[in-house]
Amino acid sequence: MPIQPQKARFIVFVLFFFFQSISNSFALGVDFIERGHFNEDGSGQFSIEVDLTKTSHLISVIKYLNKNYKDITKAIGYKAFSNASAKFEKIEGISHVDVTYNEKMLKFKLVFKFNTLQALNKAIGKLNKGLDPPKITYFILDDVLFIREDLNGIAKKLLFYQQYDNSLVKSLDLAFFFKESTYTTIYTFCNTIQDYSNPLSELTKDKKTIRVTHHVFAPDQVEYAIGNRLHFTKK
C-alpha cells in the first residue's frame, strides 16, 4: 500500500527525535540546486533539483522498519513537484514541463522552459505559495541588470514555520538536524557579468555563469541567502 505523505512526514520526524536522543553528532542535509539559463529576450530554461543523498541512511532505516514505506522518497518531495508541474502546464508562456525521479540516486528534478520572465515569476510564485508575499517578483532582467529576489531565505522560512504550535518540527533543533543542507543557484546569461552583490557568488572564467552555494543554517549566511543583484558589462 503506498505511503501517505502525511504519514511519511510523521515517521521522519519521529525518527529525528529518536536519533536526537541517542547521538549528538547525527545531522542531516538536503541539497537544492536551482538552475536557470536566461536568453536576452527573457526566455530560457529553469530547473530545481532536490538531492536526498545525505539522508540515505535515515531513509534506509525507515524502509527497514516498515516495508510499506519503500516509496518514502516519493512521498517526501516527488509528489510536490508533480503537483507543481500540473499547475505550470496551465501557465501561458511555460512549456516542456517535466519531472524526473532517480530512486537509486535519491534525486528528483522539475524542469521547464519559459517564454517570458513574467511566466517564470508566476511559476515560482505557485511553487512557493504561502511562503513568500503574493506579489513578489523573483526575477528581473534587462540589458544591464539581473535581480534574484529572496525576501525570507530558506532558513527564515523554516524557522517561521517552526513557531506554530501544530508544527511537527516545533521541538526540533533545525539548525542541528539540517546543518548540512545547501541551496545552490546556477544562472547562465548571454551577457558578461561585471559585478554582483552576494558575497557567496562564484563566476566562471567567461563571466557568463554565476553560482551561489548557500549553506542554509550557517550563521554567517542566513542574511545573504540566495538573493543577488548583477550588473552586466555594457556592449
Protein backbone atom coordinates (compact mmCIF):
# COMPACT_ATOMS: atom_id res chain seq x y z
CA MET A 1 0.00 0.00 0.00
CA PRO A 2 1.51 3.38 -0.99
CA ILE A 3 2.66 5.55 1.86
CA GLN A 4 0.61 8.67 2.56
CA PRO A 5 2.63 11.93 2.51
CA GLN A 6 1.32 12.97 5.95
CA LYS A 7 2.33 9.62 7.47
CA ALA A 8 5.73 9.78 5.80
CA ARG A 9 6.43 13.17 7.32
CA PHE A 10 5.32 11.95 10.74
CA ILE A 11 7.58 8.88 10.61
CA VAL A 12 10.53 11.01 9.51
CA PHE A 13 10.08 13.42 12.40
CA VAL A 14 9.64 10.57 14.91
CA LEU A 15 12.98 9.18 13.75
CA PHE A 16 14.52 12.63 14.02
CA PHE A 17 13.58 12.66 17.71
CA PHE A 18 14.97 9.15 18.12
CA PHE A 19 18.31 9.99 16.58
CA GLN A 20 18.50 13.23 18.55
CA SER A 21 18.16 11.30 21.79
CA ILE A 22 20.93 8.80 21.02
CA SER A 23 23.51 10.86 19.20
CA ASN A 24 24.79 14.42 19.40
CA SER A 25 26.75 14.02 16.19
CA PHE A 26 23.87 12.95 13.92
CA ALA A 27 22.99 15.55 11.30
CA LEU A 28 21.12 15.55 8.02
CA GLY A 29 21.16 17.63 4.92
CA VAL A 30 19.15 18.20 1.78
CA ASP A 31 20.73 19.80 -1.27
CA PHE A 32 18.62 22.03 -3.51
CA ILE A 33 20.02 23.08 -6.89
CA GLU A 34 18.29 25.80 -8.87
CA ARG A 35 19.49 26.32 -12.45
CA GLY A 36 18.46 28.96 -14.91
CA HIS A 37 19.58 29.74 -18.46
CA PHE A 38 18.44 33.23 -19.44
CA ASN A 39 18.32 34.46 -23.03
CA GLU A 40 18.46 38.14 -23.93
CA ASP A 41 14.77 38.19 -24.87
CA GLY A 42 13.72 36.98 -21.40
CA SER A 43 13.11 33.37 -22.38
CA GLY A 44 15.05 30.36 -21.16
CA GLN A 45 15.04 27.13 -19.20
CA PHE A 46 14.71 26.61 -15.46
CA SER A 47 15.09 23.62 -13.14
CA ILE A 48 15.02 22.78 -9.45
CA GLU A 49 16.65 19.58 -8.22
CA VAL A 50 16.32 18.04 -4.76
CA ASP A 51 19.11 15.70 -3.68
CA LEU A 52 18.39 13.49 -0.64
CA THR A 53 21.74 11.67 -0.71
CA LYS A 54 22.71 12.96 2.74
CA THR A 55 19.55 11.41 4.20
CA SER A 56 20.18 7.99 2.65
CA HIS A 57 20.96 6.26 5.96
CA LEU A 58 17.80 7.60 7.57
CA ILE A 59 15.70 6.53 4.59
CA SER A 60 17.24 3.05 4.73
CA VAL A 61 16.28 2.76 8.40
CA ILE A 62 12.70 3.80 7.65
CA LYS A 63 12.42 1.23 4.85
CA TYR A 64 13.86 -1.46 7.12
CA LEU A 65 11.38 -0.69 9.90
CA ASN A 66 8.39 -0.95 7.60
CA LYS A 67 8.37 -2.33 4.06
CA ASN A 68 5.25 -0.25 3.29
CA TYR A 69 7.48 2.81 3.33
CA LYS A 70 9.57 1.75 0.35
CA ASP A 71 8.33 4.77 -1.61
CA ILE A 72 9.04 7.28 1.14
CA THR A 73 11.35 9.35 -1.07
CA LYS A 74 8.47 9.92 -3.47
CA ALA A 75 6.24 10.96 -0.59
CA ILE A 76 8.82 13.44 0.71
CA GLY A 77 9.12 15.56 -2.41
CA TYR A 78 8.23 13.95 -5.71
CA LYS A 79 4.50 14.48 -5.24
CA ALA A 80 5.01 18.18 -4.55
CA PHE A 81 6.94 18.56 -7.82
CA SER A 82 4.32 16.56 -9.71
CA ASN A 83 1.55 18.80 -8.37
CA ALA A 84 3.56 21.87 -9.30
CA SER A 85 4.15 20.60 -12.84
CA ALA A 86 0.41 20.20 -13.36
CA LYS A 87 -0.09 23.85 -12.37
CA PHE A 88 2.84 25.02 -14.50
CA GLU A 89 1.36 23.46 -17.63
CA LYS A 90 -1.62 25.81 -17.29
CA ILE A 91 0.55 28.94 -17.22
CA GLU A 92 0.82 30.81 -20.51
CA GLY A 93 4.47 31.01 -21.52
CA ILE A 94 5.52 27.83 -19.69
CA SER A 95 6.23 24.69 -21.73
CA HIS A 96 8.12 21.37 -21.79
CA VAL A 97 7.40 20.72 -18.12
CA ASP A 98 8.97 17.50 -16.87
CA VAL A 99 9.55 15.82 -13.51
CA THR A 100 12.27 13.19 -13.25
CA TYR A 101 12.97 10.87 -10.33
CA ASN A 102 16.10 8.80 -9.77
CA GLU A 103 15.24 6.42 -6.93
CA LYS A 104 18.73 4.94 -6.75
CA MET A 105 20.43 8.33 -6.50
CA LEU A 106 17.67 9.81 -4.27
CA LYS A 107 17.21 12.77 -6.59
CA PHE A 108 14.23 14.36 -8.28
CA LYS A 109 14.07 17.35 -10.60
CA LEU A 110 11.49 19.73 -12.02
CA VAL A 111 12.42 21.21 -15.41
CA PHE A 112 10.55 23.62 -17.69
CA LYS A 113 11.02 26.27 -20.36
CA PHE A 114 9.69 29.82 -20.12
CA ASN A 115 8.98 32.34 -22.86
CA THR A 116 8.95 35.40 -20.59
CA LEU A 117 10.17 36.38 -17.14
CA GLN A 118 6.56 37.10 -16.23
CA ALA A 119 5.75 33.43 -16.83
CA LEU A 120 8.79 32.32 -14.81
CA ASN A 121 7.84 34.55 -11.88
CA LYS A 122 4.30 33.23 -11.95
CA ALA A 123 5.53 29.63 -11.91
CA ILE A 124 7.92 30.16 -8.98
CA GLY A 125 5.16 32.03 -7.16
CA LYS A 126 2.93 28.97 -7.40
CA LEU A 127 5.74 26.73 -6.19
CA ASN A 128 6.36 28.97 -3.16
CA LYS A 129 2.71 29.78 -2.47
CA GLY A 130 2.20 30.56 1.20
CA LEU A 131 5.91 31.08 1.86
CA ASP A 132 6.52 34.42 0.17
CA PRO A 133 4.48 37.62 -0.27
CA PRO A 134 1.93 37.09 -3.09
CA LYS A 135 3.28 39.89 -5.29
CA ILE A 136 7.00 39.20 -5.03
CA THR A 137 8.98 39.45 -8.27
CA TYR A 138 11.63 36.74 -8.09
CA PHE A 139 13.49 37.62 -11.30
CA ILE A 140 14.19 40.90 -13.09
CA LEU A 141 16.35 41.06 -16.23
CA ASP A 142 17.29 43.70 -18.77
CA ASP A 143 20.39 44.60 -20.81
CA VAL A 144 22.39 45.82 -17.81
CA LEU A 145 20.79 44.32 -14.70
CA PHE A 146 19.63 40.99 -13.23
CA ILE A 147 17.97 40.63 -9.83
CA ARG A 148 17.17 37.44 -7.95
CA GLU A 149 14.93 38.42 -5.05
CA ASP A 150 14.86 36.31 -1.90
CA LEU A 151 12.98 38.09 0.87
CA ASN A 152 12.78 35.41 3.53
CA GLY A 153 15.61 32.99 2.88
CA ILE A 154 15.30 29.22 3.25
CA ALA A 155 16.32 29.15 6.92
CA LYS A 156 13.99 32.01 7.83
CA LYS A 157 11.06 30.20 6.20
CA LEU A 158 11.75 27.02 8.17
CA LEU A 159 12.18 28.90 11.43
CA PHE A 160 8.97 30.84 10.80
CA TYR A 161 7.09 27.57 10.21
CA GLN A 162 8.56 26.18 13.43
CA GLN A 163 6.81 28.86 15.51
CA TYR A 164 3.36 27.31 15.07
CA ASP A 165 2.04 25.08 17.86
CA ASN A 166 0.79 22.43 15.42
CA SER A 167 4.16 22.18 13.67
CA LEU A 168 5.80 18.75 13.82
CA VAL A 169 9.19 20.44 13.79
CA LYS A 170 8.47 22.77 16.71
CA SER A 171 10.66 20.86 19.19
CA LEU A 172 13.44 20.08 16.74
CA ASP A 173 16.72 21.91 16.51
CA LEU A 174 16.52 22.52 12.77
CA ALA A 175 19.96 24.08 12.60
CA PHE A 176 21.37 20.88 14.11
CA PHE A 177 19.46 18.36 12.02
CA PHE A 178 19.79 20.17 8.71
CA LYS A 179 23.17 21.83 9.19
CA GLU A 180 24.50 20.13 6.06
CA SER A 181 21.69 21.49 3.85
CA THR A 182 22.57 23.72 0.92
CA TYR A 183 20.64 25.74 -1.64
CA THR A 184 22.66 26.40 -4.78
CA THR A 185 21.72 28.70 -7.63
CA ILE A 186 23.47 28.47 -11.01
CA TYR A 187 22.49 31.09 -13.59
CA THR A 188 23.86 31.45 -17.11
CA PHE A 189 23.47 34.55 -19.30
CA CYS A 190 24.33 35.69 -22.81
CA ASN A 191 25.92 38.87 -21.45
CA THR A 192 29.14 39.17 -19.44
CA ILE A 193 28.70 39.72 -15.70
CA GLN A 194 30.53 42.79 -14.41
CA ASP A 195 29.74 42.64 -10.68
CA TYR A 196 27.40 41.09 -8.12
CA SER A 197 26.01 41.85 -4.65
CA ASN A 198 26.03 38.43 -2.96
CA PRO A 199 29.48 37.72 -1.43
CA LEU A 200 28.87 33.97 -1.80
CA SER A 201 28.95 34.32 -5.60
CA GLU A 202 31.43 32.47 -7.83
CA LEU A 203 31.96 33.37 -11.50
CA THR A 204 33.11 31.11 -14.31
CA LYS A 205 36.12 32.18 -16.38
CA ASP A 206 33.95 33.57 -19.17
CA LYS A 207 31.94 35.54 -16.56
CA LYS A 208 28.64 34.39 -18.01
CA THR A 209 27.67 31.86 -15.34
CA ILE A 210 27.35 32.69 -11.65
CA ARG A 211 26.99 30.23 -8.79
CA VAL A 212 25.88 30.83 -5.21
CA THR A 213 26.11 27.97 -2.71
CA HIS A 214 24.17 28.92 0.40
CA HIS A 215 24.65 26.74 3.50
CA VAL A 216 21.15 27.16 4.84
CA PHE A 217 21.91 27.26 8.57
CA ALA A 218 25.41 28.70 8.52
CA PRO A 219 25.29 31.64 11.00
CA ASP A 220 27.14 33.96 8.64
CA GLN A 221 24.97 33.13 5.60
CA VAL A 222 21.38 33.44 6.85
CA GLU A 223 21.08 37.08 5.79
CA TYR A 224 22.67 36.65 2.36
CA ALA A 225 20.71 33.54 1.35
CA ILE A 226 20.35 33.27 -2.45
CA GLY A 227 19.35 36.83 -3.31
CA ASN A 228 21.65 38.57 -5.79
CA ARG A 229 21.95 41.69 -7.92
CA LEU A 230 24.12 41.52 -11.05
CA HIS A 231 25.32 44.17 -13.46
CA PHE A 232 26.34 43.23 -16.99
CA THR A 233 29.17 44.75 -19.00
CA LYS A 234 27.78 47.31 -21.42
CA LYS A 235 28.14 46.30 -25.06
